[in-house]
Amino acid sequence: MSIAVLEPPRRLLRPAVAPPILERRGPALVILVCFCAFLFLYGVGQGDLYRTEGLRALIGQEFLRSGNWIVPELYGEPLLTKPPGIYAAIALTGLPFGQVTTITARLPSALAATATVLLFYATFARLFGRRCGLAAAALLPASIMWLERVPTAEIDLVQLAWVAAALLALPRAIEAAEAHDPRRWHEWLWWQVALLAVAGGVLTKWTAPAFFYLTAVPLLWWRGRLRLLFGWPHLLAAVLGALPCFVWAGAAIWLAGWETFRDTVGREALQRLSPAHHPRAYPWLEVPVFPVEFLLANLPWSAVALLTLRPSFSRLWDARGRLLLQLFHCWTWTNLCFWAVVPGHRPRHELPLQPGLAGLAALVWIAWLTGRLHWPWRRLSAGRALAGILAVWLIVKLGHAHIIIPARDRGRHTRETGERLAALVPEGETLYLGALKDEGILFYYNRPARRFSETLSAMNGLGSAYLALTEAEWRNCTPASNVRMIESMRDEQGEPIFLVRIDRPGG
């Protein structure tokens, strides 16, 4: 009696074919993280703090020193021209070390940049696969605008990260709404993610809601979904998102006073958004120049992005791909037109609209990589061309770290001047400042300083004190017999600084 042996089906015996390495989650993320680590952390300690980097780091340092993380203070006085978000981020990265340093002050921009690249990857990988997600994510930071702002102790990349998180959540809310789920909880969840990110942007820089709604309103209008702004998912998310902003505003008013809050915030907002409140005549020539500057600053991606303006380009995509294309169009062009009209803005101020332009360029490259769009060069594939551009960009990054930054720092001596001040002013003494504005030097001074608001003729009332004076202030006080110059030095711009000591009369 023979027993038949059942063989498994042939298809079960076939070895599983592993997906290409770039389509596997682990290797793709490792490649992306290494790419970000090189772009955003290499050279993080190169050069002293530059321009307003010193201001951001100095206030973050004051957060740690005073324990007041609500009202930004500079030299003991409230400074509400910007919310506390960037200063709190700088203080947080310095907290494990007990102080803010050049490196820790620049870490928030590097972390924000990495988070934005990962969000870009997740957005494109969900729709087009991990290889295309990697291409889009690697393309995003290859920009002169990013090169200048990360890693720095500046506000722009942190603001960009919040705006990008909000706007990349917006298509998910629209998709959920168009799925006609009667419960609408999924729609509300994505609106809430978007509006909480907007709140984070508001607490970093006031303009975050403008970037968000200048994209959301035309996008919803384009799709015939403008009524979503009046539905309960969006309205509830807006209320909950606004809550942390109102809580901070209430605490800031309590600590700094209503008049200080109103005058500073009102002046900052009106100067940015109202031509009538701008300190100079309306700059008509800047209206056409601003978009040109922005597009030039984002070459070569801006040239590639222009291909998406062809009507036939939208037909290359399915419904979700077209939604993403529409998002990037609204993100780029409506914001570009609006901020061109607002006076006093520069391309670096509008960095949060750069991902929209990069997203359009990424869709063109994905169309080339996947064969949706004809690639014009036969001897060089689209993938190799993109890899070559990114390789060149890594070389540009090396040149910026080793050539541009050292050349920029030459002759400034910011750290040396600050440390020299600390050596000359005895421990426990407060350094008083008149008209001097050099936060980089005061950051490296690394001790409390206070603004002396009275006239120089009344300095005798201070008793014994140390003052850092400008040249004009030094001329005004030289006749006084109890004023003694300790040392003359130079600020970051090469202008004279005079460290003087005022002694008590008869002392």
Protein backbone atom coordinates (compact mmCIF):
# COMPACT_ATOMS: atom_id res chain seq x y z
CA MET A 1 0.00 0.00 0.00
CA SER A 2 1.59 3.23 -1.10
CA ILE A 3 1.07 6.54 0.53
CA ALA A 4 0.93 9.57 -1.71
CA VAL A 5 3.05 12.43 -0.56
CA LEU A 6 1.37 15.76 -1.13
CA GLU A 7 3.73 18.37 -2.51
CA PRO A 8 3.20 22.00 -1.60
CA PRO A 9 2.19 24.27 -4.47
CA ARG A 10 5.08 25.52 -6.56
CA ARG A 11 4.36 29.15 -5.73
CA LEU A 12 5.02 28.42 -2.04
CA LEU A 13 8.45 27.03 -2.86
CA ARG A 14 9.60 30.16 -4.66
CA PRO A 15 12.05 32.18 -2.61
CA ALA A 16 10.75 35.56 -1.58
CA VAL A 17 12.29 38.31 -3.63
CA ALA A 18 13.60 41.05 -1.37
CA PRO A 19 12.64 44.56 -2.41
CA PRO A 20 15.44 46.87 -3.56
CA ILE A 21 17.39 48.32 -0.66
CA LEU A 22 15.93 51.81 -1.11
CA GLU A 23 12.41 50.37 -0.85
CA ARG A 24 13.10 48.81 2.56
CA ARG A 25 12.15 50.90 5.57
CA GLY A 26 15.23 50.34 7.73
CA PRO A 27 17.94 51.10 5.14
CA ALA A 28 15.95 54.02 3.74
CA LEU A 29 15.69 55.68 7.15
CA VAL A 30 19.36 55.02 7.94
CA ILE A 31 20.41 56.65 4.67
CA LEU A 32 18.14 59.64 5.31
CA VAL A 33 19.29 60.14 8.91
CA CYS A 34 22.96 59.97 7.86
CA PHE A 35 22.27 62.48 5.09
CA CYS A 36 20.62 64.85 7.60
CA ALA A 37 23.37 64.37 10.16
CA PHE A 38 25.99 65.43 7.64
CA LEU A 39 24.04 68.39 6.25
CA PHE A 40 22.78 69.75 9.57
CA LEU A 41 25.40 68.80 12.14
CA TYR A 42 28.65 69.00 10.23
CA GLY A 43 30.23 72.34 11.14
CA VAL A 44 27.72 73.05 13.92
CA GLY A 45 30.54 74.48 16.06
CA GLN A 46 32.28 76.33 13.21
CA GLY A 47 32.59 80.04 13.83
CA ASP A 48 31.23 82.25 16.57
CA LEU A 49 27.58 83.23 16.81
CA TYR A 50 26.78 85.59 13.94
CA ARG A 51 24.35 88.52 13.69
CA THR A 52 21.07 87.76 15.52
CA GLU A 53 22.35 84.33 16.57
CA GLY A 54 23.84 86.09 19.57
CA LEU A 55 20.48 87.62 20.52
CA ARG A 56 18.66 84.26 20.37
CA ALA A 57 21.37 82.49 22.37
CA LEU A 58 21.64 85.29 24.93
CA ILE A 59 17.91 85.21 25.70
CA GLY A 60 17.93 81.41 25.81
CA GLN A 61 20.80 81.65 28.28
CA GLU A 62 18.72 84.09 30.35
CA PHE A 63 15.89 81.53 30.40
CA LEU A 64 18.22 79.08 32.10
CA ARG A 65 19.71 81.69 34.42
CA SER A 66 16.43 83.24 35.60
CA GLY A 67 14.01 80.32 35.35
CA ASN A 68 11.50 82.60 33.59
CA TRP A 69 10.55 80.78 30.38
CA ILE A 70 7.42 82.86 29.71
CA VAL A 71 8.60 86.40 28.94
CA PRO A 72 11.83 86.74 26.94
CA GLU A 73 14.10 89.27 28.63
CA LEU A 74 17.16 91.11 27.35
CA TYR A 75 19.34 92.88 29.92
CA GLY A 76 16.57 92.61 32.49
CA GLU A 77 13.88 94.16 30.26
CA PRO A 78 11.00 92.32 28.51
CA LEU A 79 11.55 91.68 24.79
CA LEU A 80 8.32 90.52 23.16
CA THR A 81 9.17 91.20 19.52
CA LYS A 82 9.19 87.40 19.13
CA PRO A 83 7.36 84.73 21.19
CA PRO A 84 9.40 82.51 23.50
CA GLY A 85 9.46 79.38 21.30
CA ILE A 86 12.95 79.64 19.83
CA TYR A 87 14.44 80.83 23.11
CA ALA A 88 12.82 77.93 24.99
CA ALA A 89 14.16 75.49 22.38
CA ILE A 90 17.67 76.89 22.80
CA ALA A 91 17.36 76.70 26.57
CA LEU A 92 16.12 73.09 26.38
CA THR A 93 19.08 71.93 24.29
CA GLY A 94 21.43 73.65 26.76
CA LEU A 95 19.66 72.30 29.84
CA PRO A 96 21.52 68.93 30.01
CA PHE A 97 24.82 70.84 30.01
CA GLY A 98 23.74 73.50 32.49
CA GLN A 99 24.43 76.31 30.01
CA VAL A 100 23.85 77.46 26.46
CA THR A 101 26.88 77.05 24.20
CA THR A 102 27.54 77.84 20.55
CA ILE A 103 26.75 74.24 19.62
CA THR A 104 23.65 73.76 21.77
CA ALA A 105 22.22 77.09 20.60
CA ARG A 106 22.37 75.81 17.01
CA LEU A 107 20.90 72.38 17.71
CA PRO A 108 17.19 73.40 17.52
CA SER A 109 17.57 74.44 13.89
CA ALA A 110 19.31 71.14 13.08
CA LEU A 111 16.64 69.08 14.84
CA ALA A 112 13.84 71.07 13.19
CA ALA A 113 15.44 70.59 9.79
CA THR A 114 15.76 66.83 10.34
CA ALA A 115 12.12 66.58 11.47
CA THR A 116 10.98 68.43 8.34
CA VAL A 117 13.00 66.16 6.04
CA LEU A 118 11.50 63.09 7.74
CA LEU A 119 7.99 64.53 7.34
CA PHE A 120 8.66 65.09 3.66
CA TYR A 121 9.89 61.51 3.34
CA ALA A 122 6.81 60.13 5.09
CA THR A 123 4.44 62.18 2.91
CA PHE A 124 5.96 61.12 -0.41
CA ALA A 125 6.73 57.53 0.62
CA ARG A 126 3.06 57.00 1.56
CA LEU A 127 1.94 57.92 -1.95
CA PHE A 128 4.80 56.89 -4.23
CA GLY A 129 7.00 54.43 -2.35
CA ARG A 130 10.13 54.77 -0.24
CA ARG A 131 12.55 55.34 -3.13
CA CYS A 132 10.55 58.36 -4.28
CA GLY A 133 10.18 59.48 -0.67
CA LEU A 134 13.96 59.44 -0.31
CA ALA A 135 14.38 61.48 -3.50
CA ALA A 136 11.89 64.13 -2.35
CA ALA A 137 13.33 64.31 1.17
CA ALA A 138 16.92 64.63 -0.07
CA LEU A 139 15.93 67.34 -2.52
CA LEU A 140 14.24 69.51 0.13
CA PRO A 141 17.31 70.80 2.06
CA ALA A 142 19.55 71.22 -1.01
CA SER A 143 18.94 74.96 -1.05
CA ILE A 144 21.01 78.07 -0.46
CA MET A 145 18.32 79.23 1.96
CA TRP A 146 18.80 76.13 4.12
CA LEU A 147 22.58 76.32 3.85
CA GLU A 148 22.55 79.80 5.43
CA ARG A 149 20.03 79.01 8.20
CA VAL A 150 20.97 75.56 9.46
CA PRO A 151 22.77 74.92 11.68
CA THR A 152 22.34 78.36 13.21
CA ALA A 153 20.77 79.72 16.37
CA GLU A 154 18.13 81.39 14.20
CA ILE A 155 14.36 81.24 14.23
CA ASP A 156 13.67 80.48 10.56
CA LEU A 157 14.14 76.69 10.37
CA VAL A 158 12.13 76.10 13.53
CA GLN A 159 9.31 78.19 12.07
CA LEU A 160 9.59 76.30 8.77
CA ALA A 161 9.26 72.97 10.61
CA TRP A 162 6.02 74.02 12.34
CA VAL A 163 4.49 75.39 9.12
CA ALA A 164 5.53 72.28 7.16
CA ALA A 165 4.03 69.97 9.79
CA ALA A 166 0.75 71.90 9.67
CA LEU A 167 0.49 71.98 5.88
CA LEU A 168 1.53 68.35 5.36
CA ALA A 169 -1.26 67.32 7.75
CA LEU A 170 -3.81 69.34 5.77
CA PRO A 171 -4.19 66.86 2.85
CA ARG A 172 -4.88 64.08 5.33
CA ALA A 173 -7.77 66.12 6.78
CA ILE A 174 -9.12 66.78 3.27
CA GLU A 175 -8.83 63.10 2.33
CA ALA A 176 -10.73 62.13 5.47
CA ALA A 177 -13.45 64.68 4.71
CA GLU A 178 -13.79 63.49 1.11
CA ALA A 179 -14.14 59.88 2.33
CA HIS A 180 -17.60 60.92 3.66
CA ASP A 181 -17.20 59.21 7.04
CA PRO A 182 -20.27 60.40 9.01
CA ARG A 183 -18.36 60.30 12.32
CA ARG A 184 -15.66 62.70 11.01
CA TRP A 185 -13.30 61.89 13.88
CA HIS A 186 -10.47 61.09 11.49
CA GLU A 187 -10.93 64.46 9.81
CA TRP A 188 -10.91 66.23 13.17
CA LEU A 189 -7.73 64.39 14.22
CA TRP A 190 -5.76 65.68 11.21
CA TRP A 191 -7.17 69.20 11.58
CA GLN A 192 -6.05 69.06 15.20
CA VAL A 193 -2.54 67.98 14.25
CA ALA A 194 -2.38 70.83 11.74
CA LEU A 195 -3.69 73.51 14.11
CA LEU A 196 -1.48 72.42 17.00
CA ALA A 197 1.48 72.77 14.64
CA VAL A 198 0.22 76.25 13.74
CA ALA A 199 0.13 77.02 17.47
CA GLY A 200 3.74 75.89 17.77
CA GLY A 201 4.55 78.22 14.88
CA VAL A 202 2.74 81.14 16.56
CA LEU A 203 4.75 80.60 19.73
CA THR A 204 7.90 80.69 17.57
CA LYS A 205 7.04 83.56 15.21
CA TRP A 206 3.79 85.42 14.71
CA THR A 207 3.34 84.74 10.99
CA ALA A 208 2.56 81.00 11.14
CA PRO A 209 -1.26 81.36 10.74
CA ALA A 210 -0.74 83.53 7.65
CA PHE A 211 1.35 80.82 5.94
CA PHE A 212 -1.20 78.15 6.87
CA TYR A 213 -4.42 79.89 5.85
CA LEU A 214 -2.88 81.48 2.74
CA THR A 215 -2.44 77.86 1.63
CA ALA A 216 -5.54 76.24 3.12
CA VAL A 217 -8.14 78.74 1.85
CA PRO A 218 -7.17 78.67 -1.85
CA LEU A 219 -6.62 74.90 -1.72
CA LEU A 220 -10.10 74.26 -0.31
CA TRP A 221 -11.59 76.76 -2.73
CA TRP A 222 -9.84 75.02 -5.63
CA ARG A 223 -11.35 71.68 -4.58
CA GLY A 224 -14.80 73.10 -3.82
CA ARG A 225 -14.39 72.26 -0.12
CA LEU A 226 -14.30 75.74 1.41
CA ARG A 227 -17.18 74.78 3.70
CA LEU A 228 -14.78 72.53 5.63
CA LEU A 229 -13.48 75.70 7.34
CA PHE A 230 -16.94 76.13 8.90
CA GLY A 231 -17.38 72.51 9.97
CA TRP A 232 -16.97 71.41 13.57
CA PRO A 233 -13.72 69.42 12.98
CA HIS A 234 -11.85 72.54 11.86
CA LEU A 235 -13.51 74.93 14.31
CA LEU A 236 -12.92 72.66 17.31
CA ALA A 237 -9.31 72.09 16.25
CA ALA A 238 -8.83 75.86 15.85
CA VAL A 239 -10.15 76.55 19.35
CA LEU A 240 -7.96 73.87 20.94
CA GLY A 241 -4.97 74.99 18.88
CA ALA A 242 -5.42 78.62 19.91
CA LEU A 243 -5.65 77.67 23.59
CA PRO A 244 -1.88 77.38 24.31
CA CYS A 245 -1.31 80.70 22.51
CA PHE A 246 -3.89 82.48 24.66
CA VAL A 247 -2.50 80.85 27.80
CA TRP A 248 0.97 82.14 26.99
CA ALA A 249 -0.37 85.61 26.10
CA GLY A 250 -2.22 85.79 29.41
CA ALA A 251 0.87 84.75 31.36
CA ALA A 252 3.03 87.25 29.45
CA ILE A 253 0.56 90.07 30.13
CA TRP A 254 0.51 89.12 33.82
CA LEU A 255 4.29 89.21 34.09
CA ALA A 256 5.22 92.05 31.70
CA GLY A 257 2.10 94.22 31.84
CA TRP A 258 -0.63 94.87 29.31
CA GLU A 259 0.89 98.04 27.88
CA THR A 260 4.27 96.42 27.22
CA PHE A 261 2.62 93.41 25.56
CA ARG A 262 0.21 95.49 23.49
CA ASP A 263 2.74 98.06 22.31
CA THR A 264 5.47 95.56 21.40
CA VAL A 265 3.31 92.89 19.76
CA GLY A 266 1.10 95.45 18.04
CA ARG A 267 4.06 97.37 16.66
CA GLU A 268 5.71 94.17 15.41
CA ALA A 269 2.54 92.91 13.71
CA LEU A 270 1.53 96.23 12.14
CA GLN A 271 5.03 96.87 10.83
CA ARG A 272 5.01 93.49 9.07
CA LEU A 273 1.44 93.49 7.75
CA SER A 274 0.37 97.13 7.31
CA PRO A 275 2.10 99.34 4.74
CA ALA A 276 0.80 102.42 6.59
CA HIS A 277 2.78 101.43 9.70
CA HIS A 278 6.02 100.61 7.90
CA PRO A 279 8.85 102.98 8.93
CA ARG A 280 9.62 103.97 5.32
CA ALA A 281 7.72 104.71 2.13
CA TYR A 282 6.09 101.74 0.42
CA PRO A 283 8.85 99.97 -1.58
CA TRP A 284 7.13 99.54 -4.93
CA LEU A 285 10.25 98.14 -6.60
CA GLU A 286 10.39 95.28 -4.10
CA VAL A 287 7.06 93.87 -5.30
CA PRO A 288 8.43 92.43 -8.56
CA VAL A 289 11.94 91.92 -7.18
CA PHE A 290 10.96 89.76 -4.20
CA PRO A 291 9.59 86.77 -6.19
CA VAL A 292 12.59 86.88 -8.51
CA GLU A 293 14.99 86.86 -5.54
CA PHE A 294 13.13 83.96 -3.98
CA LEU A 295 13.17 81.88 -7.16
CA LEU A 296 16.86 82.61 -7.78
CA ALA A 297 17.70 81.61 -4.20
CA ASN A 298 16.07 78.22 -4.83
CA LEU A 299 17.76 77.29 -8.09
CA PRO A 300 17.86 74.73 -9.62
CA TRP A 301 14.65 73.44 -8.02
CA SER A 302 12.66 76.57 -8.89
CA ALA A 303 13.39 76.01 -12.60
CA VAL A 304 12.28 72.39 -12.30
CA ALA A 305 9.14 73.40 -10.37
CA LEU A 306 7.98 75.60 -13.25
CA LEU A 307 7.27 72.42 -15.25
CA THR A 308 4.34 71.72 -12.91
CA LEU A 309 2.53 74.78 -14.33
CA ARG A 310 1.80 72.85 -17.53
CA PRO A 311 -1.89 71.81 -17.50
CA SER A 312 -0.97 68.29 -18.62
CA PHE A 313 1.20 67.72 -15.55
CA SER A 314 -1.73 67.19 -13.19
CA ARG A 315 -3.03 64.37 -15.39
CA LEU A 316 0.01 62.28 -14.49
CA TRP A 317 -1.31 61.60 -10.99
CA ASP A 318 -4.13 59.83 -9.23
CA ALA A 319 -6.51 61.67 -6.89
CA ARG A 320 -4.15 61.75 -3.92
CA GLY A 321 -1.22 62.81 -6.09
CA ARG A 322 -3.26 65.67 -7.55
CA LEU A 323 -4.22 66.79 -4.05
CA LEU A 324 -0.54 66.95 -3.09
CA LEU A 325 0.23 68.88 -6.30
CA GLN A 326 -2.53 71.37 -5.53
CA LEU A 327 -1.24 71.77 -1.97
CA PHE A 328 2.25 72.65 -3.16
CA HIS A 329 0.92 75.09 -5.76
CA CYS A 330 -1.14 76.97 -3.15
CA TRP A 331 1.71 76.77 -0.63
CA THR A 332 4.12 78.36 -3.09
CA TRP A 333 2.33 80.83 -5.33
CA THR A 334 -0.32 82.36 -3.07
CA ASN A 335 2.21 82.91 -0.30
CA LEU A 336 4.75 84.29 -2.75
CA CYS A 337 2.24 86.82 -4.10
CA PHE A 338 1.06 87.87 -0.63
CA TRP A 339 4.50 88.35 0.91
CA ALA A 340 5.71 90.24 -2.16
CA VAL A 341 3.09 92.90 -1.37
CA VAL A 342 3.87 93.06 2.35
CA PRO A 343 6.70 95.61 2.75
CA GLY A 344 10.06 94.96 4.32
CA HIS A 345 10.30 91.22 3.72
CA ARG A 346 13.26 89.35 2.33
CA PRO A 347 13.48 85.79 0.95
CA ARG A 348 14.94 84.55 4.25
CA HIS A 349 11.83 85.80 6.09
CA GLU A 350 9.68 83.62 3.85
CA LEU A 351 11.66 80.44 4.31
CA PRO A 352 8.46 78.55 5.39
CA LEU A 353 7.16 78.66 1.82
CA GLN A 354 10.32 77.02 0.44
CA PRO A 355 9.06 73.43 1.06
CA GLY A 356 6.13 74.19 -1.25
CA LEU A 357 8.51 74.99 -4.09
CA ALA A 358 10.69 71.98 -3.22
CA GLY A 359 7.57 69.79 -3.24
CA LEU A 360 6.72 70.87 -6.78
CA ALA A 361 10.28 70.09 -7.89
CA ALA A 362 10.09 66.73 -6.12
CA LEU A 363 6.93 65.79 -8.03
CA VAL A 364 8.71 66.53 -11.32
CA TRP A 365 11.65 64.33 -10.33
CA ILE A 366 9.31 61.55 -9.22
CA ALA A 367 7.52 61.78 -12.57
CA TRP A 368 10.89 61.41 -14.30
CA LEU A 369 12.03 58.58 -12.01
CA THR A 370 8.81 56.59 -12.47
CA GLY A 371 8.45 57.19 -16.21
CA ARG A 372 5.32 59.28 -15.93
CA LEU A 373 7.17 62.15 -17.59
CA HIS A 374 9.64 61.83 -20.44
CA TRP A 375 13.25 62.28 -19.29
CA PRO A 376 15.00 64.43 -21.94
CA TRP A 377 18.56 63.01 -21.71
CA ARG A 378 19.24 59.50 -22.99
CA ARG A 379 22.81 59.01 -21.76
CA LEU A 380 22.11 60.05 -18.18
CA SER A 381 19.23 58.62 -16.17
CA ALA A 382 17.06 60.80 -13.94
CA GLY A 383 18.22 58.90 -10.86
CA ARG A 384 21.89 59.43 -11.60
CA ALA A 385 21.31 63.08 -12.42
CA LEU A 386 19.60 63.65 -9.08
CA ALA A 387 22.32 61.73 -7.25
CA GLY A 388 24.95 63.86 -8.96
CA ILE A 389 23.24 67.11 -8.00
CA LEU A 390 22.99 65.96 -4.38
CA ALA A 391 26.66 64.90 -4.38
CA VAL A 392 27.61 68.36 -5.61
CA TRP A 393 25.48 69.82 -2.85
CA LEU A 394 27.40 67.86 -0.21
CA ILE A 395 30.61 69.38 -1.62
CA VAL A 396 29.00 72.84 -1.40
CA LYS A 397 28.22 72.10 2.24
CA LEU A 398 31.88 71.27 2.90
CA GLY A 399 32.97 74.49 1.22
CA HIS A 400 30.53 76.53 3.26
CA ALA A 401 31.77 75.02 6.53
CA HIS A 402 35.48 75.33 5.75
CA ILE A 403 35.68 78.45 3.56
CA ILE A 404 32.65 80.72 3.90
CA ILE A 405 32.21 80.55 7.68
CA PRO A 406 35.92 81.08 8.53
CA ALA A 407 36.06 84.00 6.07
CA ARG A 408 32.94 85.50 7.63
CA ASP A 409 34.46 85.23 11.11
CA ARG A 410 37.78 86.77 10.19
CA GLY A 411 38.45 89.94 12.19
CA ARG A 412 35.30 89.77 14.33
CA HIS A 413 36.84 88.23 17.50
CA THR A 414 33.40 87.90 19.11
CA ARG A 415 34.31 85.17 21.58
CA GLU A 416 37.67 86.72 22.51
CA THR A 417 36.11 90.12 23.21
CA GLY A 418 33.37 88.62 25.36
CA GLU A 419 35.84 86.54 27.36
CA ARG A 420 38.12 89.58 27.74
CA LEU A 421 35.20 91.56 29.19
CA ALA A 422 34.52 88.74 31.65
CA ALA A 423 38.17 88.79 32.74
CA LEU A 424 38.16 92.56 33.34
CA VAL A 425 34.83 92.85 35.19
CA PRO A 426 35.14 91.35 38.69
CA GLU A 427 32.94 88.39 39.56
CA GLY A 428 29.71 89.55 41.18
CA GLU A 429 29.73 92.96 39.48
CA THR A 430 26.99 93.88 37.00
CA LEU A 431 28.03 95.22 33.62
CA TYR A 432 25.87 98.16 32.56
CA LEU A 433 25.18 99.01 28.93
CA GLY A 434 24.14 102.26 27.32
CA ALA A 435 23.54 102.26 23.57
CA LEU A 436 25.76 99.24 22.89
CA LYS A 437 24.04 96.54 20.83
CA ASP A 438 26.28 93.53 20.41
CA GLU A 439 24.56 90.44 21.79
CA GLY A 440 27.21 88.10 20.39
CA ILE A 441 29.89 89.60 22.62
CA LEU A 442 27.51 89.72 25.58
CA PHE A 443 26.67 86.03 25.07
CA TYR A 444 30.33 85.07 25.37
CA TYR A 445 30.65 87.45 28.32
CA ASN A 446 28.35 84.89 29.99
CA ARG A 447 27.42 87.00 32.97
CA PRO A 448 24.44 89.26 33.78
CA ALA A 449 24.32 92.63 32.07
CA ARG A 450 21.75 95.38 32.49
CA ARG A 451 20.71 98.32 30.38
CA PHE A 452 21.50 101.73 31.94
CA SER A 453 18.53 103.81 30.84
CA GLU A 454 19.34 107.17 32.44
CA THR A 455 21.42 109.91 30.88
CA LEU A 456 25.17 109.63 31.08
CA SER A 457 25.35 112.85 33.08
CA ALA A 458 23.56 111.06 35.92
CA MET A 459 25.96 108.10 36.08
CA ASN A 460 27.34 109.25 39.43
CA GLY A 461 24.18 107.92 41.00
CA LEU A 462 25.31 104.39 40.26
CA GLY A 463 28.15 104.50 42.77
CA SER A 464 30.88 102.07 41.74
CA ALA A 465 29.93 100.37 38.49
CA TYR A 466 31.32 98.96 35.27
CA LEU A 467 29.96 100.21 31.95
CA ALA A 468 30.52 99.22 28.32
CA LEU A 469 30.16 102.40 26.27
CA THR A 470 30.13 103.33 22.63
CA GLU A 471 32.53 105.97 21.32
CA ALA A 472 29.88 108.72 21.48
CA GLU A 473 29.02 107.83 25.09
CA TRP A 474 32.69 107.80 26.07
CA ARG A 475 33.14 111.32 24.68
CA ASN A 476 30.21 112.56 26.76
CA CYS A 477 31.53 111.24 30.03
CA THR A 478 35.30 111.91 29.79
CA PRO A 479 35.19 115.20 31.74
CA ALA A 480 33.97 113.40 34.85
CA SER A 481 36.88 112.86 37.26
CA ASN A 482 35.46 109.68 38.75
CA VAL A 483 35.19 107.89 35.39
CA ARG A 484 38.18 105.74 34.52
CA MET A 485 38.67 103.82 31.28
CA ILE A 486 39.87 100.27 31.87
CA GLU A 487 40.32 99.08 28.31
CA SER A 488 39.33 99.84 24.72
CA MET A 489 38.26 97.02 22.40
CA ARG A 490 36.26 96.49 19.22
CA ASP A 491 32.74 95.17 18.63
CA GLU A 492 31.79 92.73 15.84
CA GLN A 493 31.55 95.55 13.31
CA GLY A 494 34.95 96.94 14.29
CA GLU A 495 33.53 99.94 16.17
CA PRO A 496 35.21 100.96 19.47
CA ILE A 497 33.89 99.74 22.82
CA PHE A 498 35.13 101.37 26.01
CA LEU A 499 35.00 99.47 29.29
CA VAL A 500 34.94 102.08 32.05
CA ARG A 501 34.61 102.10 35.81
CA ILE A 502 32.69 104.74 37.71
CA ASP A 503 33.88 105.21 41.29
CA ARG A 504 31.87 106.67 44.14
CA PRO A 505 32.58 110.34 44.70
CA GLY A 506 35.60 110.59 46.93
CA GLY A 507 36.21 106.87 46.57
